[in-house]
Protein backbone atom coordinates (compact mmCIF):
# COMPACT_ATOMS: atom_id res chain seq x y z
CA MET A 1 -0.02 0.12 0.12
CA THR A 2 1.39 3.31 -0.94
CA ASP A 3 -1.55 5.46 -1.18
CA THR A 4 -0.31 9.23 -0.69
CA LEU A 5 -1.60 11.06 2.51
CA LEU A 6 -0.35 14.19 2.53
CA SER A 7 1.73 16.65 0.11
CA ARG A 8 4.19 19.40 1.06
CA GLU A 9 4.48 22.72 -1.04
CA GLY A 10 7.69 24.85 -1.82
CA ASP A 11 10.92 23.32 -2.55
CA PRO A 12 12.65 22.35 0.60
CA VAL A 13 16.69 23.10 0.97
CA ALA A 14 19.10 20.53 1.35
CA GLY A 15 21.90 20.26 3.60
CA GLU A 16 24.37 18.37 5.94
CA PHE A 17 23.60 17.46 9.43
CA VAL A 18 26.33 19.34 11.62
CA GLU A 19 25.06 18.81 15.30
CA ARG A 20 22.53 19.31 18.03
CA GLU A 21 22.90 22.27 19.92
CA ASN A 22 19.82 21.41 22.04
CA ARG A 23 16.29 19.39 21.93
CA PHE A 24 14.93 21.99 19.56
CA VAL A 25 17.81 23.43 17.53
CA ILE A 26 20.28 21.87 15.18
CA ARG A 27 22.76 23.13 12.99
CA VAL A 28 23.30 22.30 9.16
CA ASP A 29 25.72 23.02 6.70
CA PHE A 30 23.96 24.39 3.65
CA GLY A 31 27.27 24.56 1.64
CA ASP A 32 27.45 28.58 1.68
CA HIS A 33 26.93 28.99 5.30
CA VAL A 34 26.09 26.95 8.66
CA GLY A 35 22.66 27.81 10.11
CA ASP A 36 20.52 27.08 13.23
CA VAL A 37 17.38 24.83 12.25
CA TYR A 38 14.30 24.39 14.32
CA LEU A 39 13.93 20.68 14.74
CA GLY A 40 10.02 19.65 15.66
CA ASP A 41 10.93 16.18 17.11
CA PRO A 42 12.23 16.21 20.60
CA GLY A 43 12.94 12.59 21.06
CA LYS A 44 16.95 11.48 21.49
CA LEU A 45 16.86 10.58 17.78
CA ARG A 46 20.12 8.31 17.98
CA ASN A 47 21.04 6.55 14.89
CA VAL A 48 19.08 9.71 12.92
CA LEU A 49 20.94 12.60 13.71
CA VAL A 50 23.92 11.55 12.37
CA PRO A 51 26.90 14.12 11.30
CA GLY A 52 27.07 14.25 7.27
CA TYR A 53 23.82 12.71 7.08
CA GLU A 54 21.45 14.62 4.13
CA ILE A 55 18.83 16.91 5.81
CA LEU A 56 15.65 18.67 4.28
CA CYS A 57 15.05 22.20 5.60
CA GLU A 58 12.23 24.52 4.83
CA PRO A 59 12.97 27.98 4.67
CA VAL A 60 10.58 30.13 7.40
CA ASP A 61 10.37 33.74 7.12
CA ASP A 62 9.42 35.08 10.59
CA PRO A 63 11.40 37.83 11.72
CA ASP A 64 10.48 37.10 15.17
CA ARG A 65 11.86 33.66 15.10
CA THR A 66 15.50 32.90 15.98
CA THR A 67 16.01 30.46 13.50
CA ASP A 68 15.13 30.67 9.86
CA TYR A 69 14.35 27.00 8.73
CA ASP A 70 12.50 24.21 10.34
CA ALA A 71 13.99 20.61 9.64
CA ILE A 72 11.56 18.36 7.59
CA ALA A 73 13.28 15.15 7.04
CA ILE A 74 17.05 13.20 7.23
CA ARG A 75 18.03 10.84 4.61
CA VAL A 76 19.46 7.85 6.79
CA ASP A 77 20.96 4.34 5.94
CA GLY A 78 18.27 2.21 5.92
CA ASP A 79 17.94 -0.35 8.82
CA GLY A 80 19.30 -3.74 8.36
CA GLY A 81 21.85 -2.23 5.02
CA SER A 82 18.77 -1.80 3.12
CA ASP A 83 18.37 1.47 0.46
CA PRO A 84 18.42 4.53 2.51
CA VAL A 85 15.19 6.13 3.63
CA GLN A 86 13.85 9.51 4.53
CA VAL A 87 12.89 9.59 8.38
CA SER A 88 10.53 12.56 8.88
CA LEU A 89 11.55 14.58 11.47
CA ARG A 90 8.17 16.54 12.35
CA ALA A 91 6.77 14.78 15.50
CA ALA A 92 3.58 16.75 15.22
CA LEU A 93 2.77 15.16 11.91
CA ALA A 94 1.71 12.13 13.08
CA ASN A 95 -1.59 13.33 14.37
CA ASP A 96 -2.30 14.72 10.59
CA LEU A 97 -1.04 11.70 8.90
CA PHE A 98 -3.42 9.41 11.48
CA PHE A 99 -6.25 11.61 10.50
CA ALA A 100 -5.52 11.35 6.85
CA THR A 101 -5.32 7.46 6.99
CA PHE A 102 -8.61 7.42 8.82
CA ASP A 103 -10.41 9.83 6.35
CA ALA A 104 -9.04 8.07 3.49
CA GLY A 105 -10.90 4.97 5.00
CA HIS A 106 -7.93 2.83 5.33
CA LEU A 107 -8.01 1.88 9.13
CA PRO A 108 -11.00 -0.77 9.61
CA ALA A 109 -10.76 -0.49 12.82
CA PHE A 110 -12.24 2.57 13.23
CA ASP A 111 -14.57 2.31 9.83
CA TRP A 112 -17.65 2.89 12.16
CA ALA A 113 -16.94 6.18 13.22
CA GLY A 114 -18.35 8.89 11.05
CA GLU A 115 -17.68 12.19 13.16
CA VAL A 116 -14.13 13.05 14.36
CA THR A 117 -13.07 15.95 16.88
CA PRO A 118 -9.16 17.05 17.68
CA GLU A 119 -8.06 17.57 20.68
CA PRO A 120 -11.10 17.21 22.73
CA SER A 121 -11.52 17.22 26.77
CA LEU A 122 -11.34 14.20 28.44
CA PRO A 123 -14.57 13.42 30.96
CA ASP A 124 -12.26 13.70 33.69
CA HIS A 125 -9.08 16.03 32.80
CA GLY A 126 -6.72 16.95 30.27
CA ARG A 127 -7.32 16.05 26.48
CA ALA A 128 -6.77 13.15 23.88
CA ASP A 129 -5.80 14.04 20.35
CA PHE A 130 -8.89 12.38 18.95
CA ARG A 131 -12.33 11.59 19.62
CA LEU A 132 -14.52 9.25 17.38
CA GLU A 133 -18.19 9.20 17.04
CA SER A 134 -20.54 7.06 14.99
CA ALA A 135 -22.93 8.71 12.79
CA ASP A 136 -26.05 7.30 15.39
CA GLY A 137 -23.96 8.96 18.57
CA ASP A 138 -24.38 5.21 19.77
CA ARG A 139 -20.54 4.84 19.65
CA THR A 140 -17.57 6.81 20.76
CA ALA A 141 -13.80 6.56 21.29
CA TYR A 142 -10.67 8.56 22.40
CA VAL A 143 -7.51 8.14 20.49
CA GLU A 144 -4.02 9.05 21.48
CA VAL A 145 -1.00 9.58 18.45
CA LYS A 146 2.35 9.14 19.15
CA SER A 147 5.15 9.27 16.62
CA THR A 148 7.78 6.83 16.45
CA THR A 149 10.98 6.97 14.28
CA HIS A 150 13.70 5.00 16.17
CA VAL A 151 14.14 1.53 14.22
CA ASP A 152 16.67 -1.09 15.44
CA GLU A 153 17.05 -4.30 13.51
CA GLY A 154 13.63 -4.00 11.97
CA VAL A 155 11.89 -3.07 15.12
CA ALA A 156 10.27 0.30 15.77
CA LYS A 157 10.63 1.45 19.55
CA PHE A 158 8.93 4.29 21.16
CA PRO A 159 10.06 6.03 23.40
CA ASP A 160 13.80 6.91 22.47
CA ARG A 161 13.96 9.08 25.31
CA PRO A 162 12.19 8.83 29.15
CA THR A 163 8.58 10.32 28.52
CA GLU A 164 6.69 11.27 31.48
CA ARG A 165 4.33 13.01 29.43
CA GLY A 166 3.80 9.70 27.55
CA ARG A 167 3.18 7.96 30.79
CA ARG A 168 0.44 10.49 31.78
CA HIS A 169 -1.49 9.81 28.85
CA LEU A 170 -1.41 5.86 29.01
CA ARG A 171 -2.75 6.60 32.53
CA SER A 172 -5.46 8.77 30.88
CA LEU A 173 -6.41 5.83 28.44
CA GLU A 174 -6.55 3.02 31.50
CA SER A 175 -8.71 5.32 33.26
CA LEU A 176 -11.28 5.81 30.44
CA ALA A 177 -10.94 1.94 29.81
CA ALA A 178 -11.77 1.62 33.53
CA ASP A 179 -15.20 3.48 32.80
CA GLY A 180 -16.17 1.58 30.03
CA VAL A 181 -14.79 4.14 27.47
CA GLU A 182 -13.36 3.04 24.45
CA ALA A 183 -9.70 3.71 24.25
CA HIS A 184 -6.90 3.30 21.70
CA LEU A 185 -3.39 4.11 21.32
CA VAL A 186 -1.87 4.28 17.85
CA PHE A 187 1.81 4.60 17.03
CA VAL A 188 2.59 6.26 13.79
CA VAL A 189 6.17 5.29 12.34
CA GLN A 190 7.37 7.51 9.94
CA ARG A 191 9.90 5.82 8.43
CA PRO A 192 9.36 2.25 6.24
CA ASP A 193 12.29 0.12 7.05
CA VAL A 194 10.20 -1.69 9.79
CA GLU A 195 8.66 -5.13 10.39
CA ARG A 196 7.06 -4.37 13.95
CA TRP A 197 6.45 -2.41 16.58
CA GLU A 198 7.40 -2.68 19.97
CA PRO A 199 8.17 -0.26 23.42
CA PHE A 200 11.72 0.77 24.10
CA ARG A 201 12.01 -1.01 27.37
CA GLU A 202 15.77 -0.42 27.59
CA VAL A 203 14.97 3.76 27.63
CA ASP A 204 11.89 3.75 29.82
CA PRO A 205 10.87 0.45 31.66
CA GLU A 206 8.15 2.10 33.02
CA PHE A 207 6.54 3.27 30.24
CA ALA A 208 6.62 -0.44 28.65
CA ASP A 209 5.16 -1.82 32.10
CA LEU A 210 2.54 0.97 31.94
CA LEU A 211 1.74 0.05 28.19
CA ALA A 212 1.06 -3.89 28.37
CA GLN A 213 -1.02 -2.67 31.84
CA VAL A 214 -3.26 -0.41 29.99
CA ALA A 215 -3.72 -2.81 27.21
CA ASP A 216 -5.00 -5.79 29.60
CA ALA A 217 -7.34 -2.85 31.03
CA GLY A 218 -9.11 -2.77 27.45
CA VAL A 219 -6.98 -0.07 25.73
CA GLU A 220 -6.32 -0.93 22.02
CA VAL A 221 -3.09 -0.24 20.96
CA HIS A 222 -2.21 0.15 17.13
CA ALA A 223 0.78 1.07 14.78
CA LEU A 224 0.83 2.30 11.28
CA VAL A 225 3.66 2.84 8.65
CA THR A 226 4.22 5.81 6.52
CA GLU A 227 7.15 7.19 4.46
CA PHE A 228 8.33 10.28 3.38
CA ASP A 229 8.90 10.39 -0.58
CA PRO A 230 9.35 14.16 -1.10
CA PRO A 231 6.95 15.77 -1.62
CA HIS A 232 4.31 12.98 -0.60
CA TYR A 233 3.68 11.24 2.78
CA ARG A 234 2.59 7.59 1.87
CA LEU A 235 0.97 5.22 3.47
CA ARG A 236 3.15 1.71 3.59
CA GLU A 237 1.08 -0.31 6.57
CA THR A 238 -1.86 -0.17 8.75
CA ASP A 239 -1.47 -2.83 10.60
CA LEU A 240 2.14 -3.36 11.51
CA PRO A 241 2.43 -5.85 14.30
CA VAL A 242 2.84 -5.13 17.87
CA LYS A 243 4.61 -6.82 20.45
CA LEU A 244 4.02 -5.40 24.21
CA ASP A 245 5.92 -7.89 26.03
C-alpha cells in the first residue's frame, strides 16, 4: 500500500547535519553557510541525527524567530543495510497522518466512526488527540497518537528517551477504559524500514510496563507505517505487528 496521504508545498533546502545544539535546535551546513534549524522532534533521535547525513529543511520567513528553517526530514542508511530512507523529523505530523489515513478509509478498526473531533476534552481532565463518534451517536472512542522514528533491526521502538508525558497519557487512557469508555493508542512510524513495533524497554521500562498494563485494561494498541517520498507522505502499512511483552 502506497497511498498518498499528504503532500508538501514549496521546495525544501538540502544540507548536511552538523550537530544538535539543544532539544529543539540543530546546526546544518547548507554549503554557503551553517545555520540554526528548528527541530520539531524532541526525541533523542539516536542513529537518526548523524553528522554528514543529508537533511531537508524548509525556509521560514518570520522575523520573530531565532531560526530561519524548519527541519523536515533526514536521509539515513536503511535499517539492516537496506536502501537509504527519509525519516520525518516532524513528530506533530503524526496526528495529521493518522487523520489522513482515517479520512481515506484505510483504518478498519475505526470504520464505524462518522465524526472526528481533534483535541477533545477528556471526561475527567486533560485532552486526547481525537474523539471518534458513530453517525448515530451510539459509539464513542478516544484516540491518542504517538510518533515513532527509532528503528533497530527492523523493530520500531518508542520512546527513545524517558517520557513522563507519555506515561501520563497512558494513565488517562487506562482511566477511560476503567470507566467503560473505548480508548485507542496509535503509533505512527514515520519511516518505512520496519517489521514490527514494540516499546523501548531499555530506555523507559516504566512506560513499557504501563503500556502492557493499559492494554490488559482494554486500551487497544495499533501501529501504522508511513514514508516520506518528497514531496509526498505515503501510507505503507495500516496494521504493523505490535509486541507488548
